[in-house]
N, C-alpha and C. Protein backbone atom coordinates (compact mmCIF):
# COMPACT_ATOMS: atom_id res chain seq x y z
N MET A 1 -30.07 1.53 25.12
CA MET A 1 -29.37 0.87 24.19
C MET A 1 -29.20 1.96 22.54
N ILE A 2 -30.74 2.32 22.35
CA ILE A 2 -30.74 2.92 20.89
C ILE A 2 -30.09 4.23 21.01
N VAL A 3 -29.84 5.05 21.88
CA VAL A 3 -29.11 6.07 21.93
C VAL A 3 -27.85 6.18 22.02
N PRO A 4 -27.15 5.27 22.46
CA PRO A 4 -25.60 5.45 22.16
C PRO A 4 -25.13 4.60 20.83
N ALA A 5 -26.09 4.05 20.55
CA ALA A 5 -26.03 3.17 19.05
C ALA A 5 -26.36 4.51 18.09
N LEU A 6 -27.37 5.32 17.94
CA LEU A 6 -27.57 6.75 17.61
C LEU A 6 -25.98 7.85 17.36
N VAL A 7 -25.67 7.81 18.60
CA VAL A 7 -24.29 8.77 18.63
C VAL A 7 -23.45 7.93 17.73
N LEU A 8 -23.26 6.79 18.25
CA LEU A 8 -21.99 6.28 17.53
C LEU A 8 -22.33 6.15 15.72
N MET A 9 -23.56 6.01 15.16
CA MET A 9 -23.74 6.33 14.12
C MET A 9 -23.42 7.41 13.06
N VAL A 10 -23.99 8.60 14.31
CA VAL A 10 -24.07 9.97 13.88
C VAL A 10 -22.32 10.59 13.62
N ALA A 11 -21.71 9.76 14.95
CA ALA A 11 -19.94 10.41 14.75
C ALA A 11 -19.32 9.89 13.71
N ALA A 12 -20.01 8.54 13.28
CA ALA A 12 -19.27 7.81 12.27
C ALA A 12 -19.77 8.33 10.95
N LEU A 13 -20.89 8.79 10.58
CA LEU A 13 -21.05 9.70 9.75
C LEU A 13 -20.27 10.78 9.21
N VAL A 14 -20.38 11.53 10.18
CA VAL A 14 -19.31 12.67 10.39
C VAL A 14 -17.99 12.48 10.07
N VAL A 15 -17.42 11.42 10.44
CA VAL A 15 -15.91 11.21 10.31
C VAL A 15 -15.69 10.37 9.08
N GLY A 16 -16.92 9.89 8.14
CA GLY A 16 -17.04 9.13 7.16
C GLY A 16 -16.91 10.53 5.86
N VAL A 17 -17.38 11.68 6.39
CA VAL A 17 -17.83 12.84 5.63
C VAL A 17 -16.65 13.74 5.24
N VAL A 18 -15.87 13.74 6.57
CA VAL A 18 -14.83 14.12 6.66
C VAL A 18 -13.69 13.74 5.93
N GLY A 19 -13.75 12.12 5.61
CA GLY A 19 -12.71 11.43 5.08
C GLY A 19 -12.85 11.63 3.60
N VAL A 20 -14.15 11.78 2.99
CA VAL A 20 -14.49 11.82 1.65
C VAL A 20 -13.87 13.22 1.21
N LEU A 21 -14.36 14.27 1.99
CA LEU A 21 -13.73 15.71 1.80
C LEU A 21 -12.68 15.67 1.55
N ALA A 22 -11.69 15.02 2.39
CA ALA A 22 -10.52 14.91 2.57
C ALA A 22 -9.55 14.70 1.60
N SER A 23 -10.42 13.47 1.02
CA SER A 23 -9.70 12.64 -0.16
C SER A 23 -9.96 13.16 -1.23
N VAL A 24 -10.72 14.40 -1.38
CA VAL A 24 -11.04 14.96 -2.78
C VAL A 24 -10.34 16.55 -2.37
N TYR A 25 -9.67 16.51 -1.64
CA TYR A 25 -9.11 18.10 -1.29
C TYR A 25 -10.17 19.41 -1.37
N ARG A 26 -11.44 19.10 -0.69
CA ARG A 26 -12.65 20.02 -0.39
C ARG A 26 -12.84 20.09 1.28
N LEU A 27 -12.04 19.55 2.14
CA LEU A 27 -11.64 19.75 3.40
C LEU A 27 -11.29 21.21 3.73
N PRO A 28 -12.00 22.19 4.07
CA PRO A 28 -11.25 23.59 4.30
C PRO A 28 -10.47 23.33 5.75
N ARG A 29 -9.34 24.29 5.60
CA ARG A 29 -8.83 24.19 6.77
C ARG A 29 -9.56 25.10 8.29
N ASN A 30 -9.44 24.24 9.11
CA ASN A 30 -10.36 24.63 10.27
C ASN A 30 -9.89 24.33 11.47
N ARG A 31 -10.26 24.54 12.83
CA ARG A 31 -9.63 24.24 13.80
C ARG A 31 -10.50 23.28 14.63
N VAL A 32 -11.22 22.59 13.77
CA VAL A 32 -12.28 21.83 14.57
C VAL A 32 -11.85 20.21 14.15
N ILE A 33 -11.94 19.99 13.01
CA ILE A 33 -11.51 18.69 12.14
C ILE A 33 -10.72 18.62 11.46
N GLY A 34 -10.22 17.28 11.05
CA GLY A 34 -9.16 16.88 10.21
C GLY A 34 -7.64 16.78 10.95
N VAL A 35 -6.52 16.85 10.39
CA VAL A 35 -5.27 16.66 11.02
C VAL A 35 -4.79 18.02 11.33
N ARG A 36 -4.50 18.63 12.44
CA ARG A 36 -4.58 19.64 12.90
C ARG A 36 -2.97 19.79 13.70
N THR A 37 -2.14 20.37 12.62
CA THR A 37 -0.95 20.25 13.60
C THR A 37 -0.65 22.00 13.42
N VAL A 38 1.08 21.92 13.84
CA VAL A 38 1.46 23.76 13.73
C VAL A 38 1.70 23.78 12.49
N TRP A 39 2.09 22.75 11.80
CA TRP A 39 2.69 23.04 10.49
C TRP A 39 1.43 22.92 9.64
N THR A 40 0.41 22.15 9.33
CA THR A 40 -0.80 21.97 8.69
C THR A 40 -1.72 23.52 8.72
N MET A 41 -1.76 24.11 9.78
CA MET A 41 -2.35 25.00 10.07
C MET A 41 -1.88 26.25 9.78
N SER A 42 -0.37 26.28 9.47
CA SER A 42 0.11 27.33 8.99
C SER A 42 0.30 27.33 7.47
N ASN A 43 -0.34 26.38 6.71
CA ASN A 43 0.23 26.03 5.41
C ASN A 43 -1.17 25.45 4.92
N VAL A 44 -2.04 26.30 4.03
CA VAL A 44 -3.11 25.19 3.58
C VAL A 44 -2.82 24.13 2.61
N ALA A 45 -1.63 24.38 1.58
CA ALA A 45 -1.20 22.81 0.93
C ALA A 45 -0.77 21.80 1.92
N ALA A 46 -0.23 22.13 2.90
CA ALA A 46 0.21 21.01 3.85
C ALA A 46 -1.26 20.65 4.84
N PHE A 47 -1.80 21.44 4.83
CA PHE A 47 -3.23 20.91 5.43
C PHE A 47 -4.01 20.11 4.69
N ARG A 48 -4.15 20.18 3.07
CA ARG A 48 -4.91 19.30 2.39
C ARG A 48 -3.79 18.08 2.02
N ARG A 49 -2.43 18.05 2.01
CA ARG A 49 -1.80 16.92 1.88
C ARG A 49 -2.09 15.93 3.21
N ALA A 50 -2.02 16.76 3.90
CA ALA A 50 -1.85 15.73 5.52
C ALA A 50 -3.48 15.24 5.68
N ASN A 51 -3.91 15.67 5.28
CA ASN A 51 -5.63 15.40 5.39
C ASN A 51 -6.08 14.42 4.24
N ARG A 52 -5.07 14.51 3.21
CA ARG A 52 -5.60 13.85 2.09
C ARG A 52 -4.70 12.29 2.29
N ALA A 53 -3.92 12.27 2.90
CA ALA A 53 -3.10 11.01 3.46
C ALA A 53 -3.87 10.40 4.56
N ALA A 54 -4.68 10.90 5.38
CA ALA A 54 -5.38 10.59 6.71
C ALA A 54 -6.28 9.85 6.28
N ALA A 55 -6.90 10.71 4.86
CA ALA A 55 -8.26 10.27 4.73
C ALA A 55 -8.99 8.72 4.25
N PRO A 56 -8.19 8.00 3.92
CA PRO A 56 -8.42 6.31 4.04
C PRO A 56 -8.83 5.80 5.45
N ALA A 57 -7.76 6.51 6.43
CA ALA A 57 -8.24 5.67 7.55
C ALA A 57 -9.39 6.70 8.24
N PHE A 58 -9.46 7.90 8.04
CA PHE A 58 -10.84 8.79 8.10
C PHE A 58 -12.07 8.06 7.66
N VAL A 59 -12.23 7.57 6.77
CA VAL A 59 -13.58 6.68 6.16
C VAL A 59 -13.19 5.47 6.56
N GLY A 60 -12.54 4.87 6.61
CA GLY A 60 -12.47 3.30 7.14
C GLY A 60 -13.11 3.60 8.50
N ALA A 61 -12.63 4.76 9.11
CA ALA A 61 -13.42 4.58 10.86
C ALA A 61 -14.81 4.97 10.81
N GLY A 62 -15.47 5.35 9.53
CA GLY A 62 -16.66 5.85 9.52
C GLY A 62 -17.21 4.63 9.05
N VAL A 63 -16.78 4.13 8.46
CA VAL A 63 -17.48 2.65 8.00
C VAL A 63 -17.60 1.60 8.96
N VAL A 64 -16.41 1.46 9.82
CA VAL A 64 -16.51 0.58 10.88
C VAL A 64 -17.36 1.19 12.15
N GLY A 65 -17.60 2.16 12.31
CA GLY A 65 -18.00 3.25 13.13
C GLY A 65 -19.72 2.98 12.84
N LEU A 66 -20.07 2.80 11.24
CA LEU A 66 -21.42 2.57 11.24
C LEU A 66 -21.75 1.51 10.79
N GLY A 67 -21.09 0.69 10.86
CA GLY A 67 -21.54 -0.84 10.75
C GLY A 67 -21.68 -1.37 12.37
N ALA A 68 -20.95 -1.01 12.95
CA ALA A 68 -21.13 -1.54 14.29
C ALA A 68 -22.37 -0.63 14.87
N ALA A 69 -22.87 0.46 14.35
CA ALA A 69 -24.06 1.09 15.21
C ALA A 69 -25.27 0.12 14.35
N VAL A 70 -25.17 0.26 13.12
CA VAL A 70 -26.31 -0.73 12.88
C VAL A 70 -26.47 -2.14 13.58
N ALA A 71 -25.30 -2.76 13.42
CA ALA A 71 -25.46 -3.93 14.13
C ALA A 71 -25.87 -4.09 15.41
N ALA A 72 -25.53 -2.98 16.42
CA ALA A 72 -26.21 -2.97 17.84
C ALA A 72 -27.58 -2.54 17.59
N LEU A 73 -27.99 -1.87 16.81
CA LEU A 73 -29.28 -1.35 16.66
C LEU A 73 -30.10 -2.57 16.18
N LEU A 74 -29.85 -3.45 15.25
CA LEU A 74 -30.26 -4.64 15.24
C LEU A 74 -30.52 -5.85 16.39
N ALA A 75 -29.37 -5.70 16.90
CA ALA A 75 -29.23 -6.78 18.04
C ALA A 75 -29.75 -6.31 19.18
N ALA A 76 -30.37 -5.02 19.19
CA ALA A 76 -31.35 -4.36 20.61
C ALA A 76 -30.45 -4.76 21.62
N THR A 77 -31.21 -5.19 22.56
CA THR A 77 -30.80 -5.26 24.34
C THR A 77 -29.62 -6.25 24.39
N THR A 78 -29.35 -6.90 23.32
CA THR A 78 -28.63 -8.49 23.75
C THR A 78 -27.07 -7.98 23.92
N PRO A 79 -26.63 -9.01 24.58
CA PRO A 79 -25.00 -8.42 24.91
C PRO A 79 -24.18 -8.68 23.73
N ALA A 80 -24.67 -9.23 22.57
CA ALA A 80 -24.35 -8.99 21.49
C ALA A 80 -24.09 -7.56 20.72
N GLY A 81 -25.36 -6.77 20.65
CA GLY A 81 -25.11 -5.43 20.49
C GLY A 81 -24.27 -4.59 21.34
N VAL A 82 -24.45 -4.97 22.61
CA VAL A 82 -23.60 -4.10 23.32
C VAL A 82 -21.97 -4.02 23.23
N VAL A 83 -21.31 -5.61 22.40
CA VAL A 83 -20.16 -5.98 22.49
C VAL A 83 -19.88 -5.05 21.03
N MET A 84 -20.70 -5.25 20.23
CA MET A 84 -20.67 -4.62 18.84
C MET A 84 -20.53 -3.18 18.94
N LEU A 85 -21.57 -2.82 20.09
CA LEU A 85 -21.05 -0.81 20.30
C LEU A 85 -19.57 -0.63 20.99
N VAL A 86 -19.59 -1.31 21.55
CA VAL A 86 -18.03 -0.80 22.22
C VAL A 86 -16.97 -1.22 21.40
N LEU A 87 -16.96 -1.93 20.59
CA LEU A 87 -16.28 -2.54 19.19
C LEU A 87 -15.91 -1.34 18.80
N GLY A 88 -17.23 -1.12 17.89
CA GLY A 88 -17.34 -0.13 17.10
C GLY A 88 -16.50 1.18 17.33
N GLY A 89 -16.94 1.62 18.66
CA GLY A 89 -16.42 3.21 19.17
C GLY A 89 -14.98 2.77 19.20
N ILE A 90 -14.58 1.83 19.59
CA ILE A 90 -12.75 1.54 19.63
C ILE A 90 -12.07 1.58 18.40
N GLY A 91 -12.92 0.74 17.27
CA GLY A 91 -12.62 0.93 16.15
C GLY A 91 -12.57 2.00 15.43
N LEU A 92 -13.60 2.89 15.65
CA LEU A 92 -13.80 4.39 15.12
C LEU A 92 -12.76 4.95 15.73
N VAL A 93 -12.23 5.14 17.05
CA VAL A 93 -11.37 5.81 17.69
C VAL A 93 -10.39 5.44 17.26
N GLY A 94 -9.90 4.14 17.21
CA GLY A 94 -8.79 3.61 16.63
C GLY A 94 -7.96 3.88 15.00
N LEU A 95 -8.79 3.88 14.51
CA LEU A 95 -8.51 4.01 13.08
C LEU A 95 -8.84 5.69 12.99
N LEU A 96 -9.53 6.79 14.14
CA LEU A 96 -8.90 7.85 13.64
C LEU A 96 -7.87 7.99 14.20
N GLY A 97 -7.15 7.56 15.20
CA GLY A 97 -5.84 7.94 15.98
C GLY A 97 -4.92 7.63 14.56
N VAL A 98 -4.89 6.18 14.02
CA VAL A 98 -4.23 6.13 12.83
C VAL A 98 -4.18 7.05 11.72
N GLY A 99 -5.27 7.46 11.66
CA GLY A 99 -4.95 8.81 10.62
C GLY A 99 -4.48 10.13 10.88
N GLY A 100 -4.91 10.45 11.91
CA GLY A 100 -4.11 11.49 12.54
C GLY A 100 -2.45 11.12 12.50
N VAL A 101 -2.16 10.09 12.83
CA VAL A 101 -0.52 9.65 12.67
C VAL A 101 -0.17 9.96 11.54
N VAL A 102 -0.78 9.64 10.79
CA VAL A 102 -0.25 9.09 9.48
C VAL A 102 0.07 10.74 8.83
N GLY A 103 -0.91 11.79 9.17
CA GLY A 103 -1.33 12.93 8.54
C GLY A 103 -0.20 13.80 9.14
N ALA A 104 -0.09 13.86 10.50
CA ALA A 104 0.82 14.27 11.10
C ALA A 104 2.46 13.88 10.38
N ARG A 105 2.33 12.64 10.46
CA ARG A 105 4.25 12.37 10.09
C ARG A 105 3.87 13.00 8.47
N VAL A 106 3.29 12.88 7.55
CA VAL A 106 3.46 13.55 6.13
C VAL A 106 3.44 15.03 6.22
N ALA A 107 2.90 15.77 7.32
CA ALA A 107 3.19 17.19 7.68
C ALA A 107 4.62 17.48 8.25
N ALA A 108 4.92 16.52 9.08
CA ALA A 108 6.57 16.54 9.81
C ALA A 108 7.25 16.32 8.72
N ALA A 109 7.19 15.58 7.49
CA ALA A 109 8.26 15.12 6.52
C ALA A 109 8.28 16.43 5.41
N GLU A 110 7.17 17.18 5.46
CA GLU A 110 6.89 18.01 4.57
C GLU A 110 7.86 19.37 5.52
N GLU A 111 7.36 19.65 6.53
CA GLU A 111 8.42 20.81 7.28
C GLU A 111 9.85 20.36 7.23
N ALA A 112 9.78 18.98 7.54
CA ALA A 112 11.67 19.06 7.57
C ALA A 112 12.06 19.12 5.73
N GLU A 113 11.34 18.94 5.04
CA GLU A 113 12.12 19.28 3.78
C GLU A 113 11.73 20.60 3.43
N HIS A 114 11.18 21.51 3.86
CA HIS A 114 10.87 22.77 3.73
C HIS A 114 12.00 23.51 4.62
N GLU A 115 12.12 23.04 6.17
CA GLU A 115 13.25 23.63 6.38
C GLU A 115 14.72 23.41 5.77
N ALA A 116 14.79 22.28 5.31
CA ALA A 116 16.29 21.93 5.06
C ALA A 116 16.60 22.69 3.41
N LEU A 117 15.49 22.83 2.85
CA LEU A 117 15.76 24.10 1.72
C LEU A 117 16.02 25.20 2.19
N ALA A 118 15.17 25.63 3.21
CA ALA A 118 15.41 27.17 3.95
C ALA A 118 16.91 27.32 4.25
N SER A 119 17.42 26.17 4.73
CA SER A 119 18.74 26.21 5.53
C SER A 119 19.93 25.96 4.87
N SER A 120 19.56 25.53 3.31
CA SER A 120 20.69 25.14 2.38
C SER A 120 21.30 26.78 1.87
N PRO A 121 22.56 26.23 1.82
CA PRO A 121 23.31 27.98 1.08
C PRO A 121 22.46 27.93 -0.31
N PRO A 122 22.50 29.08 -0.45
CA PRO A 122 21.93 29.72 -1.85
C PRO A 122 23.20 29.55 -3.04
N ALA A 123 22.66 29.00 -4.02
CA ALA A 123 23.49 28.28 -5.09
C ALA A 123 23.69 29.80 -6.21
N PRO A 124 24.85 30.00 -6.70
CA PRO A 124 25.31 31.17 -7.39
C PRO A 124 23.91 30.73 -8.86
N CYS A 125 23.46 32.35 -9.12
CA CYS A 125 22.58 32.02 -10.37
C CYS A 125 23.68 32.02 -11.76
N THR A 126 23.12 31.17 -12.34
CA THR A 126 23.81 30.86 -13.78
C THR A 126 23.15 31.26 -15.15
N ALA A 127 22.08 31.94 -14.84
CA ALA A 127 21.14 32.46 -15.89
C ALA A 127 21.44 33.22 -16.56
N GLY A 128 21.85 33.01 -18.22
CA GLY A 128 22.16 34.35 -18.66
C GLY A 128 23.91 34.03 -19.30
N GLU A 129 24.54 33.30 -18.45
CA GLU A 129 25.86 32.85 -18.63
C GLU A 129 25.96 31.89 -19.73
N PRO A 130 27.18 31.85 -20.32
CA PRO A 130 27.56 30.91 -21.70
C PRO A 130 27.32 29.65 -20.95
N GLU A 131 27.14 28.27 -21.60
CA GLU A 131 27.09 27.30 -21.22
C GLU A 131 28.75 27.55 -21.35
N PRO A 132 29.79 26.17 -20.84
CA PRO A 132 30.59 26.11 -20.96
C PRO A 132 30.74 25.10 -22.20
N GLU A 133 32.21 25.09 -22.84
CA GLU A 133 32.34 24.16 -23.97
C GLU A 133 32.68 22.87 -23.81
N ARG A 134 31.65 22.20 -24.36
CA ARG A 134 32.11 20.54 -24.14
C ARG A 134 32.63 19.91 -25.43
N ALA A 135 33.53 19.17 -25.77
CA ALA A 135 33.79 18.87 -27.31
C ALA A 135 32.93 18.09 -27.97
N THR A 136 32.06 17.19 -27.63
CA THR A 136 30.93 16.65 -28.28
C THR A 136 30.42 16.00 -27.40
N CYS A 137 28.69 15.79 -27.67
CA CYS A 137 27.93 14.83 -26.96
C CYS A 137 28.56 13.52 -27.04
N ALA A 138 28.31 12.54 -26.14
CA ALA A 138 28.96 11.44 -25.99
C ALA A 138 27.55 10.68 -26.83
N PRO A 139 27.74 9.45 -27.52
CA PRO A 139 26.68 8.62 -28.34
C PRO A 139 25.77 8.28 -26.80
N ALA A 140 24.58 7.88 -27.56
CA ALA A 140 23.63 8.38 -26.94
C ALA A 140 22.89 6.99 -25.90
N GLY A 141 23.68 6.13 -25.87
CA GLY A 141 23.68 4.96 -25.39
C GLY A 141 24.58 5.22 -23.79
N ALA A 142 25.57 5.93 -24.03
CA ALA A 142 26.23 6.21 -22.96
C ALA A 142 25.67 7.27 -21.86
N CYS A 143 24.87 8.30 -22.31
CA CYS A 143 24.15 9.26 -21.49
C CYS A 143 22.84 8.80 -21.20
N GLY A 144 22.26 7.99 -21.74
CA GLY A 144 20.89 7.49 -21.26
C GLY A 144 20.04 8.19 -22.51
N GLY A 145 20.43 8.48 -23.68
CA GLY A 145 19.80 9.42 -24.58
C GLY A 145 19.38 10.62 -24.50
N SER A 146 19.67 11.18 -23.51
CA SER A 146 19.61 12.52 -23.55
C SER A 146 20.39 13.72 -24.81
N CYS A 147 21.45 12.90 -25.53
CA CYS A 147 22.31 13.56 -26.31
C CYS A 147 21.62 13.67 -27.67
N ALA A 148 20.50 13.04 -27.58
CA ALA A 148 19.89 12.85 -28.95
C ALA A 148 18.76 14.28 -29.17
N ILE A 149 18.64 14.79 -27.94
CA ILE A 149 18.12 16.01 -28.29
C ILE A 149 18.87 17.41 -27.71
N CYS A 150 20.15 17.28 -27.95
CA CYS A 150 21.59 18.01 -27.45
C CYS A 150 21.55 18.48 -28.92
N PRO A 151 21.14 20.10 -29.12
CA PRO A 151 21.84 21.02 -30.15
C PRO A 151 22.96 21.13 -30.84
N ARG A 152 23.95 20.47 -29.81
CA ARG A 152 25.34 20.58 -30.58
C ARG A 152 25.59 19.42 -31.14
N ALA A 153 25.02 18.01 -30.65
CA ALA A 153 25.04 16.96 -31.22
C ALA A 153 24.23 16.56 -32.80
N GLN A 154 22.81 17.76 -32.71
CA GLN A 154 22.57 17.79 -34.22
C GLN A 154 23.01 18.47 -34.94
N ALA A 155 23.81 19.61 -34.34
CA ALA A 155 24.22 20.27 -35.95
C ALA A 155 25.55 19.76 -36.46
N GLU A 156 26.31 18.87 -35.46
CA GLU A 156 27.74 18.11 -35.77
C GLU A 156 26.98 17.06 -36.71
N ALA A 157 25.95 16.66 -36.89
CA ALA A 157 25.96 15.42 -37.34
C ALA A 157 25.35 15.80 -38.77
């Protein structure tokens, strides 16, 4: 009973540390821990954002696993200790799965956005071209207040 509880405790501590590192963007991109999809492994920023999104579930998994391991150690060889150990393991793995799904969805959404931007037709460059002539700026209420900073409106006033 002691060995499985210690194994669960070590696993929970590792998962909790990974969650904390991911939440502060300090988890390095690697092939062992964190949310690893094709997109996150090809882009450092995507890896960090996906793992940041999964971090609360990772930290929660660590807390659940650690709590269950401590409860199992305190209950020793009673049936309650075995139940706590099993429930803690299931909770740890379940929350890891939730974090992985959340992180993968963040990465997929970012990849879809990137592909949409890449497939859009290029817009003509208008840098350096004169602005089209406008009669006057509308009153501040009609355009949401942006005419208040319009140089033409200030010149006409």
